[in-house]
Amino acid sequence: MPTRIKICGITRYEDARIAANLGVDALGFIFFRKSPRYVAPDDAATIIRQLPPFVSRVGVFVNESFENILEIAGRTGIDTLQLHGSETPEFCAQFSHPVIKTFSIKPDTDLSVIETYKTSGILLDTWNGTMHGGSGKTFDWSQARQVCTHHNNVVVAGGLGPSNVEDALNALNPYGLDINSGVEIQPGIKNPHKIRDVVNIIRNWKPV
């Protein structure tokens, strides 16, 4: 099964169009106001209305209320929710949308907590004391390997770009890779050449 590719932190239609034309599987729109890649829901809706079919639209939320998530989802047309905060298993289970629950990984992370969540996807990202994703740093992939061994719906994020996506594929062979800062010129502005390089590396990769 080919590795799914998500380009996250989309703030401009130009970047969304390029990524979609290159064949990525999903685009991520961050609705967390403290993120440097925050996009207003109305701006996201404008971008999403212009996207071709068969590209998943993922809304990224951090400790947002159930009501606000539903309102933004309805207004923008996102089809998948990525919950990036301290949301409980019970909170995640309320939604009819597919949910990807993010777990921030550091050396002492208790991976067993993942088993309490019954979400459509699991996303592993680098822990940062001040940021919720987009740190540009990788984490210890041996921890991710443990999760990938037991789950077939794991998406890996954290400091991924053209220089290391093949290493991540060889180490983990995950369901998907979530690319953000590694293909940027600056936060929220993507580099089309780096997106192309990442997509080519992932699409041409063969398990060893």
C-alpha atoms as a PDB file:
ATOM      1  CA  MET A   1       0.000   0.000   0.000  1.00  0.00           C
ATOM      2  CA  PRO A   2       1.545   3.379  -0.956  1.00  0.00           C
ATOM      3  CA  THR A   3       2.440   5.723   1.870  1.00  0.00           C
ATOM      4  CA  ARG A   4      -0.076   8.541   2.229  1.00  0.00           C
ATOM      5  CA  ILE A   5       1.240  12.097   2.005  1.00  0.00           C
ATOM      6  CA  LYS A   6      -0.205  15.048   3.900  1.00  0.00           C
ATOM      7  CA  ILE A   7       1.086  18.586   3.458  1.00  0.00           C
ATOM      8  CA  CYS A   8       0.098  20.577   6.535  1.00  0.00           C
ATOM      9  CA  GLY A   9       0.045  24.270   7.375  1.00  0.00           C
ATOM     10  CA  ILE A  10      -1.657  25.394   4.163  1.00  0.00           C
ATOM     11  CA  THR A  11      -2.475  29.114   4.175  1.00  0.00           C
ATOM     12  CA  ARG A  12      -2.509  29.923   0.443  1.00  0.00           C
ATOM     13  CA  TYR A  13      -4.427  28.514  -2.515  1.00  0.00           C
ATOM     14  CA  GLU A  14      -1.248  28.599  -4.617  1.00  0.00           C
ATOM     15  CA  ASP A  15       0.443  26.102  -2.283  1.00  0.00           C
ATOM     16  CA  ALA A  16      -2.687  23.943  -2.047  1.00  0.00           C
ATOM     17  CA  ARG A  17      -3.003  23.817  -5.852  1.00  0.00           C
ATOM     18  CA  ILE A  18       0.624  22.832  -6.350  1.00  0.00           C
ATOM     19  CA  ALA A  19       0.442  20.115  -3.701  1.00  0.00           C
ATOM     20  CA  ALA A  20      -2.817  18.737  -5.112  1.00  0.00           C
ATOM     21  CA  ASN A  21      -1.422  18.729  -8.656  1.00  0.00           C
ATOM     22  CA  LEU A  22       1.596  16.784  -7.401  1.00  0.00           C
ATOM     23  CA  GLY A  23      -0.752  14.111  -6.100  1.00  0.00           C
ATOM     24  CA  VAL A  24      -0.657  14.501  -2.328  1.00  0.00           C
ATOM     25  CA  ASP A  25      -3.400  12.667  -0.458  1.00  0.00           C
ATOM     26  CA  ALA A  26      -4.319  15.333   2.097  1.00  0.00           C
ATOM     27  CA  LEU A  27      -3.902  19.003   2.917  1.00  0.00           C
ATOM     28  CA  GLY A  28      -3.892  20.325   6.486  1.00  0.00           C
ATOM     29  CA  PHE A  29      -5.452  23.601   7.642  1.00  0.00           C
ATOM     30  CA  ILE A  30      -4.480  24.758  11.121  1.00  0.00           C
ATOM     31  CA  PHE A  31      -7.246  26.473  13.100  1.00  0.00           C
ATOM     32  CA  PHE A  32      -5.149  27.050  16.222  1.00  0.00           C
ATOM     33  CA  ARG A  33      -4.731  30.805  16.595  1.00  0.00           C
ATOM     34  CA  LYS A  34      -1.348  30.608  18.315  1.00  0.00           C
ATOM     35  CA  SER A  35       0.200  28.741  15.405  1.00  0.00           C
ATOM     36  CA  PRO A  36       2.347  30.734  12.939  1.00  0.00           C
ATOM     37  CA  ARG A  37       0.491  28.716  10.274  1.00  0.00           C
ATOM     38  CA  TYR A  38      -2.989  29.645  11.463  1.00  0.00           C
ATOM     39  CA  VAL A  39      -5.531  30.136   8.712  1.00  0.00           C
ATOM     40  CA  ALA A  40      -8.871  31.835   9.298  1.00  0.00           C
ATOM     41  CA  PRO A  41     -11.831  29.540   8.617  1.00  0.00           C
ATOM     42  CA  ASP A  42     -13.234  31.792   5.884  1.00  0.00           C
ATOM     43  CA  ASP A  43      -9.858  31.835   4.116  1.00  0.00           C
ATOM     44  CA  ALA A  44      -9.608  28.060   4.415  1.00  0.00           C
ATOM     45  CA  ALA A  45     -13.109  27.717   2.980  1.00  0.00           C
ATOM     46  CA  THR A  46     -12.096  29.794  -0.038  1.00  0.00           C
ATOM     47  CA  ILE A  47      -9.093  27.546  -0.661  1.00  0.00           C
ATOM     48  CA  ILE A  48     -11.034  24.328  -0.094  1.00  0.00           C
ATOM     49  CA  ARG A  49     -13.803  25.298  -2.534  1.00  0.00           C
ATOM     50  CA  GLN A  50     -11.210  25.436  -5.320  1.00  0.00           C
ATOM     51  CA  LEU A  51      -9.583  22.058  -4.628  1.00  0.00           C
ATOM     52  CA  PRO A  52     -10.060  19.102  -6.962  1.00  0.00           C
ATOM     53  CA  PRO A  53     -11.872  15.969  -5.764  1.00  0.00           C
ATOM     54  CA  PHE A  54     -10.150  13.071  -3.982  1.00  0.00           C
ATOM     55  CA  VAL A  55      -7.887  15.311  -1.879  1.00  0.00           C
ATOM     56  CA  SER A  56      -8.690  15.056   1.817  1.00  0.00           C
ATOM     57  CA  ARG A  57      -9.153  18.330   3.700  1.00  0.00           C
ATOM     58  CA  VAL A  58      -7.896  18.020   7.274  1.00  0.00           C
ATOM     59  CA  GLY A  59      -8.689  20.562   9.980  1.00  0.00           C
ATOM     60  CA  VAL A  60      -6.138  20.790  12.787  1.00  0.00           C
ATOM     61  CA  PHE A  61      -7.451  21.802  16.223  1.00  0.00           C
ATOM     62  CA  VAL A  62      -5.841  22.176  19.650  1.00  0.00           C
ATOM     63  CA  ASN A  63      -8.081  21.832  22.706  1.00  0.00           C
ATOM     64  CA  GLU A  64     -10.968  23.442  20.850  1.00  0.00           C
ATOM     65  CA  SER A  65     -14.562  22.997  21.984  1.00  0.00           C
ATOM     66  CA  PHE A  66     -16.788  20.387  20.362  1.00  0.00           C
ATOM     67  CA  GLU A  67     -19.190  23.092  19.169  1.00  0.00           C
ATOM     68  CA  ASN A  68     -16.478  25.247  17.597  1.00  0.00           C
ATOM     69  CA  ILE A  69     -14.956  22.281  15.795  1.00  0.00           C
ATOM     70  CA  LEU A  70     -18.314  21.360  14.287  1.00  0.00           C
ATOM     71  CA  GLU A  71     -18.997  24.968  13.301  1.00  0.00           C
ATOM     72  CA  ILE A  72     -15.623  25.368  11.592  1.00  0.00           C
ATOM     73  CA  ALA A  73     -15.918  21.988   9.901  1.00  0.00           C
ATOM     74  CA  GLY A  74     -19.295  22.926   8.488  1.00  0.00           C
ATOM     75  CA  ARG A  75     -18.176  26.363   7.382  1.00  0.00           C
ATOM     76  CA  THR A  76     -14.960  25.270   5.678  1.00  0.00           C
ATOM     77  CA  GLY A  77     -15.781  21.885   4.187  1.00  0.00           C
ATOM     78  CA  ILE A  78     -13.036  19.934   5.915  1.00  0.00           C
ATOM     79  CA  ASP A  79     -13.659  16.200   5.937  1.00  0.00           C
ATOM     80  CA  THR A  80     -11.208  14.982   8.611  1.00  0.00           C
ATOM     81  CA  LEU A  81     -10.378  16.258  12.096  1.00  0.00           C
ATOM     82  CA  GLN A  82      -6.852  16.229  13.519  1.00  0.00           C
ATOM     83  CA  LEU A  83      -6.919  16.828  17.273  1.00  0.00           C
ATOM     84  CA  HIS A  84      -3.548  18.014  18.472  1.00  0.00           C
ATOM     85  CA  GLY A  85      -4.111  18.832  22.119  1.00  0.00           C
ATOM     86  CA  SER A  86      -5.033  16.952  25.284  1.00  0.00           C
ATOM     87  CA  GLU A  87      -8.382  15.710  23.962  1.00  0.00           C
ATOM     88  CA  THR A  88      -9.666  12.621  25.766  1.00  0.00           C
ATOM     89  CA  PRO A  89     -10.764   9.364  24.112  1.00  0.00           C
ATOM     90  CA  GLU A  90     -14.358  10.257  25.016  1.00  0.00           C
ATOM     91  CA  PHE A  91     -14.064  13.671  23.371  1.00  0.00           C
ATOM     92  CA  CYS A  92     -12.630  12.180  20.176  1.00  0.00           C
ATOM     93  CA  ALA A  93     -15.407   9.593  20.010  1.00  0.00           C
ATOM     94  CA  GLN A  94     -18.150  12.255  19.754  1.00  0.00           C
ATOM     95  CA  PHE A  95     -17.495  13.139  16.117  1.00  0.00           C
ATOM     96  CA  SER A  96     -18.986  11.634  12.987  1.00  0.00           C
ATOM     97  CA  HIS A  97     -15.960  12.903  11.024  1.00  0.00           C
ATOM     98  CA  PRO A  98     -12.889  10.670  10.901  1.00  0.00           C
ATOM     99  CA  VAL A  99     -10.534  11.731  13.698  1.00  0.00           C
ATOM    100  CA  ILE A 100      -6.742  11.627  13.738  1.00  0.00           C
ATOM    101  CA  LYS A 101      -5.437  11.933  17.301  1.00  0.00           C
ATOM    102  CA  THR A 102      -1.973  13.399  17.686  1.00  0.00           C
ATOM    103  CA  PHE A 103       0.470  12.242  20.346  1.00  0.00           C
ATOM    104  CA  SER A 104       3.532  14.372  21.073  1.00  0.00           C
ATOM    105  CA  ILE A 105       6.505  12.093  21.632  1.00  0.00           C
ATOM    106  CA  LYS A 106       9.405  12.622  24.045  1.00  0.00           C
ATOM    107  CA  PRO A 107      11.766  10.045  25.618  1.00  0.00           C
ATOM    108  CA  ASP A 108       9.524   9.307  28.605  1.00  0.00           C
ATOM    109  CA  THR A 109       6.187   9.265  26.735  1.00  0.00           C
ATOM    110  CA  ASP A 110       3.922   6.441  27.892  1.00  0.00           C
ATOM    111  CA  LEU A 111       2.951   4.897  24.574  1.00  0.00           C
ATOM    112  CA  SER A 112       0.325   2.686  26.189  1.00  0.00           C
ATOM    113  CA  VAL A 113      -2.046   5.672  26.354  1.00  0.00           C
ATOM    114  CA  ILE A 114      -2.468   5.356  22.584  1.00  0.00           C
ATOM    115  CA  GLU A 115      -4.370   2.106  23.124  1.00  0.00           C
ATOM    116  CA  THR A 116      -7.175   3.983  24.881  1.00  0.00           C
ATOM    117  CA  TYR A 117      -8.042   5.907  21.695  1.00  0.00           C
ATOM    118  CA  LYS A 118     -10.187   4.318  18.970  1.00  0.00           C
ATOM    119  CA  THR A 119      -9.691   6.969  16.304  1.00  0.00           C
ATOM    120  CA  SER A 120      -9.377   6.513  12.551  1.00  0.00           C
ATOM    121  CA  GLY A 121      -5.744   7.586  12.652  1.00  0.00           C
ATOM    122  CA  ILE A 122      -2.812   8.031  15.012  1.00  0.00           C
ATOM    123  CA  LEU A 123      -0.331  10.833  14.422  1.00  0.00           C
ATOM    124  CA  LEU A 124       3.041  10.886  16.155  1.00  0.00           C
ATOM    125  CA  ASP A 125       4.801  14.241  16.349  1.00  0.00           C
ATOM    126  CA  THR A 126       7.739  15.739  18.207  1.00  0.00           C
ATOM    127  CA  TRP A 127       7.003  17.003  21.701  1.00  0.00           C
ATOM    128  CA  ASN A 128       7.689  20.693  22.266  1.00  0.00           C
ATOM    129  CA  GLY A 129       6.953  22.547  25.470  1.00  0.00           C
ATOM    130  CA  THR A 130       5.691  25.681  23.706  1.00  0.00           C
ATOM    131  CA  MET A 131       4.395  24.509  20.318  1.00  0.00           C
ATOM    132  CA  HIS A 132       1.756  22.050  19.107  1.00  0.00           C
ATOM    133  CA  GLY A 133       3.541  20.720  16.034  1.00  0.00           C
ATOM    134  CA  GLY A 134       5.549  22.513  13.372  1.00  0.00           C
ATOM    135  CA  SER A 135       8.726  22.455  15.464  1.00  0.00           C
ATOM    136  CA  GLY A 136      10.910  21.309  12.581  1.00  0.00           C
ATOM    137  CA  LYS A 137      12.502  18.639  14.777  1.00  0.00           C
ATOM    138  CA  THR A 138      12.365  14.867  14.603  1.00  0.00           C
ATOM    139  CA  PHE A 139      11.949  12.519  17.564  1.00  0.00           C
ATOM    140  CA  ASP A 140      13.297   9.078  18.434  1.00  0.00           C
ATOM    141  CA  TRP A 141      11.824   6.898  15.704  1.00  0.00           C
ATOM    142  CA  SER A 142      12.376   3.748  17.753  1.00  0.00           C
ATOM    143  CA  GLN A 143       9.322   4.833  19.738  1.00  0.00           C
ATOM    144  CA  ALA A 144       7.351   5.284  16.530  1.00  0.00           C
ATOM    145  CA  ARG A 145       8.477   1.861  15.376  1.00  0.00           C
ATOM    146  CA  GLN A 146       6.815   0.317  18.412  1.00  0.00           C
ATOM    147  CA  VAL A 147       3.517   1.974  17.532  1.00  0.00           C
ATOM    148  CA  CYS A 148       3.773   1.155  13.803  1.00  0.00           C
ATOM    149  CA  THR A 149       4.347  -2.487  14.691  1.00  0.00           C
ATOM    150  CA  HIS A 150       0.956  -2.696  16.414  1.00  0.00           C
ATOM    151  CA  HIS A 151      -1.129  -0.280  14.327  1.00  0.00           C
ATOM    152  CA  ASN A 152      -1.657   0.116  10.592  1.00  0.00           C
ATOM    153  CA  ASN A 153      -3.018   3.672  10.742  1.00  0.00           C
ATOM    154  CA  VAL A 154       0.040   5.581  11.995  1.00  0.00           C
ATOM    155  CA  VAL A 155       1.037   8.905  10.463  1.00  0.00           C
ATOM    156  CA  VAL A 156       4.465  10.267  11.404  1.00  0.00           C
ATOM    157  CA  ALA A 157       5.321  13.978  11.566  1.00  0.00           C
ATOM    158  CA  GLY A 158       8.108  16.114  12.979  1.00  0.00           C
ATOM    159  CA  GLY A 159      10.921  17.723  11.021  1.00  0.00           C
ATOM    160  CA  LEU A 160      10.357  15.740   7.821  1.00  0.00           C
ATOM    161  CA  GLY A 161      11.561  17.004   4.458  1.00  0.00           C
ATOM    162  CA  PRO A 162      13.450  15.951   1.327  1.00  0.00           C
ATOM    163  CA  SER A 163      16.603  15.157   3.311  1.00  0.00           C
ATOM    164  CA  ASN A 164      15.078  12.566   5.652  1.00  0.00           C
ATOM    165  CA  VAL A 165      11.726  11.226   4.383  1.00  0.00           C
ATOM    166  CA  GLU A 166      13.432   8.182   2.877  1.00  0.00           C
ATOM    167  CA  ASP A 167      15.082   7.492   6.238  1.00  0.00           C
ATOM    168  CA  ALA A 168      11.662   7.672   7.900  1.00  0.00           C
ATOM    169  CA  LEU A 169      10.189   5.297   5.340  1.00  0.00           C
ATOM    170  CA  ASN A 170      13.004   2.801   5.753  1.00  0.00           C
ATOM    171  CA  ALA A 171      12.809   2.959   9.545  1.00  0.00           C
ATOM    172  CA  LEU A 172       9.034   2.859   9.925  1.00  0.00           C
ATOM    173  CA  ASN A 173       7.103   2.125   6.722  1.00  0.00           C
ATOM    174  CA  PRO A 174       4.177   4.074   8.214  1.00  0.00           C
ATOM    175  CA  TYR A 175       0.662   4.489   6.851  1.00  0.00           C
ATOM    176  CA  GLY A 176       1.424   8.151   6.172  1.00  0.00           C
ATOM    177  CA  LEU A 177       3.856  11.029   6.524  1.00  0.00           C
ATOM    178  CA  ASP A 178       2.797  14.526   7.555  1.00  0.00           C
ATOM    179  CA  ILE A 179       5.047  17.204   6.066  1.00  0.00           C
ATOM    180  CA  ASN A 180       5.027  20.815   7.211  1.00  0.00           C
ATOM    181  CA  SER A 181       8.061  22.946   8.068  1.00  0.00           C
ATOM    182  CA  GLY A 182      10.394  20.772   5.980  1.00  0.00           C
ATOM    183  CA  VAL A 183       8.874  22.105   2.742  1.00  0.00           C
ATOM    184  CA  GLU A 184       8.578  25.768   3.718  1.00  0.00           C
ATOM    185  CA  ILE A 185      10.181  29.030   2.748  1.00  0.00           C
ATOM    186  CA  GLN A 186       8.762  30.516   5.949  1.00  0.00           C
ATOM    187  CA  PRO A 187       5.894  29.462   8.234  1.00  0.00           C
ATOM    188  CA  GLY A 188       2.780  29.039   6.110  1.00  0.00           C
ATOM    189  CA  ILE A 189       4.557  29.631   2.784  1.00  0.00           C
ATOM    190  CA  LYS A 190       5.530  26.444   0.979  1.00  0.00           C
ATOM    191  CA  ASN A 191       8.446  25.748  -1.349  1.00  0.00           C
ATOM    192  CA  PRO A 192       7.014  24.020  -4.450  1.00  0.00           C
ATOM    193  CA  HIS A 193      10.350  22.413  -5.313  1.00  0.00           C
ATOM    194  CA  LYS A 194      10.612  20.802  -1.886  1.00  0.00           C
ATOM    195  CA  ILE A 195       7.028  19.547  -2.078  1.00  0.00           C
ATOM    196  CA  ARG A 196       7.816  17.998  -5.465  1.00  0.00           C
ATOM    197  CA  ASP A 197      10.996  16.400  -4.119  1.00  0.00           C
ATOM    198  CA  VAL A 198       9.211  14.927  -1.100  1.00  0.00           C
ATOM    199  CA  VAL A 199       6.387  13.538  -3.224  1.00  0.00           C
ATOM    200  CA  ASN A 200       8.835  11.998  -5.709  1.00  0.00           C
ATOM    201  CA  ILE A 201      10.892  10.366  -2.954  1.00  0.00           C
ATOM    202  CA  ILE A 202       7.838   8.880  -1.251  1.00  0.00           C
ATOM    203  CA  ARG A 203       6.142   7.717  -4.448  1.00  0.00           C
ATOM    204  CA  ASN A 204       9.313   6.048  -5.749  1.00  0.00           C
ATOM    205  CA  TRP A 205      10.272   4.415  -2.463  1.00  0.00           C
ATOM    206  CA  LYS A 206      10.290   0.633  -2.268  1.00  0.00           C
ATOM    207  CA  PRO A 207      10.473  -1.308   1.024  1.00  0.00           C
ATOM    208  CA  VAL A 208      13.879  -2.904   1.520  1.00  0.00           C
END
